[in-house]
Amino acid sequence: KVAIQSLSIQGCDVFLPGRSRKSLTRKQATLQLRQLVLIYENSGIFERMLEVARLLAANGMVSDITIVSETPLPPEITGKLSIEGVRWHFQAVSSTRPEQLRALRLNPASLVLMPKDLLMDLTERQWFELLDQLPFPLLLMD
């Protein structure tokens, strides 16, 4: 209920830790913590996601960033993707809906940033199923 209630608060980001985690060795966790995934949606929220990515990269916390998108990125976005020391990857998908997150097969220590409004239509049951099946943390941006 807390996660569902937090979605209704305007202007707040929501962090959801992944529940379905397998054990990682210390070496695996160290290597995997440097991966960030941005779910692209044509909105101003993506600008904030890029700022978070820049902050994490500047602090040495991110070395690889993957942008997942249903559409090609607009030129004004691609021009903002240069962050020193970061390797960029792009993954085209048929849908960025929440039920597709499991299909991304991400490492459990990856951090996924996505617009909060992509999850607004979920029922309470769908929320619990999603949270129980995600192996990685999810930061919903508003």
Protein backbone atom coordinates (compact mmCIF):
# COMPACT_ATOMS: atom_id res chain seq x y z
CA LYS A 1 0.00 0.00 0.00
CA VAL A 2 2.85 2.40 0.71
CA ALA A 3 4.17 2.07 -2.85
CA ILE A 4 0.71 2.65 -4.30
CA GLN A 5 0.10 5.68 -2.06
CA SER A 6 3.48 7.14 -2.93
CA LEU A 7 2.56 7.17 -6.61
CA SER A 8 -0.23 9.63 -5.91
CA ILE A 9 2.09 12.23 -4.34
CA GLN A 10 2.98 14.82 -6.97
CA GLY A 11 6.61 15.86 -7.39
CA CYS A 12 8.10 12.92 -5.47
CA ASP A 13 10.33 10.21 -6.84
CA VAL A 14 9.77 6.67 -5.54
CA PHE A 15 12.55 4.13 -4.91
CA LEU A 16 11.55 0.46 -4.96
CA PRO A 17 14.21 -2.11 -4.03
CA GLY A 18 14.00 -5.36 -5.98
CA ARG A 19 12.58 -8.19 -3.89
CA SER A 20 13.55 -11.17 -6.01
CA ARG A 21 17.31 -11.15 -5.45
CA LYS A 22 19.79 -13.94 -5.80
CA SER A 23 23.04 -13.98 -3.88
CA LEU A 24 25.89 -12.09 -5.47
CA THR A 25 29.55 -12.47 -4.68
CA ARG A 26 31.25 -9.26 -3.58
CA LYS A 27 33.14 -9.09 -6.89
CA GLN A 28 29.93 -9.51 -8.92
CA ALA A 29 28.14 -6.85 -6.88
CA THR A 30 31.02 -4.41 -7.33
CA LEU A 31 31.06 -4.89 -11.10
CA GLN A 32 27.28 -4.82 -11.51
CA LEU A 33 26.61 -1.76 -9.38
CA ARG A 34 28.05 0.35 -12.16
CA GLN A 35 25.14 -0.35 -14.56
CA LEU A 36 22.28 2.11 -14.97
CA VAL A 37 19.21 1.66 -17.18
CA LEU A 38 17.05 4.59 -18.30
CA ILE A 39 13.58 3.85 -19.65
CA TYR A 40 12.93 6.54 -22.25
CA GLU A 41 9.56 8.17 -22.59
CA ASN A 42 9.05 11.33 -24.59
CA SER A 43 8.82 13.69 -21.64
CA GLY A 44 10.73 16.21 -19.57
CA ILE A 45 11.29 13.54 -16.94
CA PHE A 46 14.00 12.07 -19.14
CA GLU A 47 16.01 15.27 -18.67
CA ARG A 48 15.96 14.65 -14.90
CA MET A 49 17.00 11.04 -15.48
CA LEU A 50 20.02 12.26 -17.43
CA GLU A 51 20.92 14.59 -14.53
CA VAL A 52 20.79 11.64 -12.11
CA ALA A 53 22.99 9.66 -14.52
CA ARG A 54 25.50 12.53 -14.66
CA LEU A 55 25.59 12.77 -10.87
CA LEU A 56 26.14 9.03 -10.45
CA ALA A 57 28.84 9.02 -13.14
CA ALA A 58 30.61 12.02 -11.59
CA ASN A 59 30.78 10.10 -8.31
CA GLY A 60 32.22 6.99 -10.00
CA MET A 61 29.07 4.96 -9.39
CA VAL A 62 28.15 4.35 -13.04
CA SER A 63 30.28 3.18 -15.95
CA ASP A 64 27.60 1.79 -18.28
CA ILE A 65 24.25 3.34 -19.13
CA THR A 66 21.63 1.61 -21.24
CA ILE A 67 18.72 3.55 -22.69
CA VAL A 68 15.68 1.39 -23.37
CA SER A 69 13.20 2.90 -25.79
CA GLU A 70 10.24 2.07 -28.00
CA THR A 71 11.24 4.81 -30.45
CA PRO A 72 14.48 6.28 -31.80
CA LEU A 73 15.85 9.02 -29.57
CA PRO A 74 15.31 12.57 -30.79
CA PRO A 75 18.44 14.51 -31.84
CA GLU A 76 18.11 16.95 -28.92
CA ILE A 77 18.42 14.00 -26.51
CA THR A 78 21.29 12.27 -28.29
CA GLY A 79 23.28 15.50 -28.12
CA LYS A 80 23.11 15.41 -24.31
CA LEU A 81 24.49 11.91 -23.89
CA SER A 82 28.17 12.64 -23.51
CA ILE A 83 29.27 11.87 -19.98
CA GLU A 84 32.97 11.32 -19.51
CA GLY A 85 33.94 7.75 -18.65
CA VAL A 86 30.53 6.26 -19.44
CA ARG A 87 29.78 3.67 -22.11
CA TRP A 88 26.34 4.09 -23.69
CA HIS A 89 24.13 1.26 -24.92
CA PHE A 90 20.75 1.41 -26.63
CA GLN A 91 18.09 -1.26 -26.56
CA ALA A 92 14.99 -1.02 -28.74
CA VAL A 93 11.93 -2.73 -27.29
CA SER A 94 8.35 -3.15 -28.42
CA SER A 95 7.02 -1.80 -25.13
CA THR A 96 8.31 -0.02 -22.03
CA ARG A 97 5.29 -1.09 -19.99
CA PRO A 98 6.07 -2.49 -16.51
CA GLU A 99 5.28 -6.09 -17.47
CA GLN A 100 8.16 -5.88 -19.95
CA LEU A 101 10.74 -5.05 -17.26
CA ARG A 102 11.27 -8.72 -16.43
CA ALA A 103 12.08 -9.42 -20.09
CA LEU A 104 15.09 -7.07 -19.99
CA ARG A 105 17.13 -9.72 -18.10
CA LEU A 106 19.16 -7.19 -16.17
CA ASN A 107 21.70 -7.95 -13.50
CA PRO A 108 20.15 -7.80 -10.02
CA ALA A 109 22.39 -4.90 -9.01
CA SER A 110 21.42 -2.73 -11.98
CA LEU A 111 19.48 0.42 -11.16
CA VAL A 112 16.52 1.19 -13.43
CA LEU A 113 15.13 4.72 -13.74
CA MET A 114 11.74 5.17 -15.35
CA PRO A 115 8.96 7.77 -15.42
CA LYS A 116 6.49 7.25 -12.59
CA ASP A 117 3.51 7.77 -14.88
CA LEU A 118 4.29 4.51 -16.73
CA LEU A 119 3.07 2.66 -13.62
CA MET A 120 0.02 4.75 -12.78
CA ASP A 121 -2.45 2.35 -14.44
CA LEU A 122 -1.43 -0.72 -12.45
CA THR A 123 -3.89 -2.39 -10.12
CA GLU A 124 -2.85 -3.24 -6.57
CA ARG A 125 -2.42 -6.89 -7.55
CA GLN A 126 -0.24 -5.96 -10.55
CA TRP A 127 1.89 -3.80 -8.24
CA PHE A 128 2.56 -6.65 -5.84
CA GLU A 129 3.33 -9.06 -8.69
CA LEU A 130 5.74 -6.57 -10.23
CA LEU A 131 7.53 -5.88 -6.96
CA ASP A 132 7.83 -9.57 -6.13
CA GLN A 133 9.35 -10.41 -9.50
CA LEU A 134 11.81 -7.56 -9.96
CA PRO A 135 15.38 -8.58 -9.14
CA PHE A 136 16.73 -5.03 -9.49
CA PRO A 137 15.94 -1.71 -7.77
CA LEU A 138 13.64 0.69 -9.56
CA LEU A 139 13.62 4.48 -9.21
CA LEU A 140 10.39 6.04 -10.45
CA MET A 141 10.97 9.64 -11.48
CA ASP A 142 8.30 12.35 -11.33
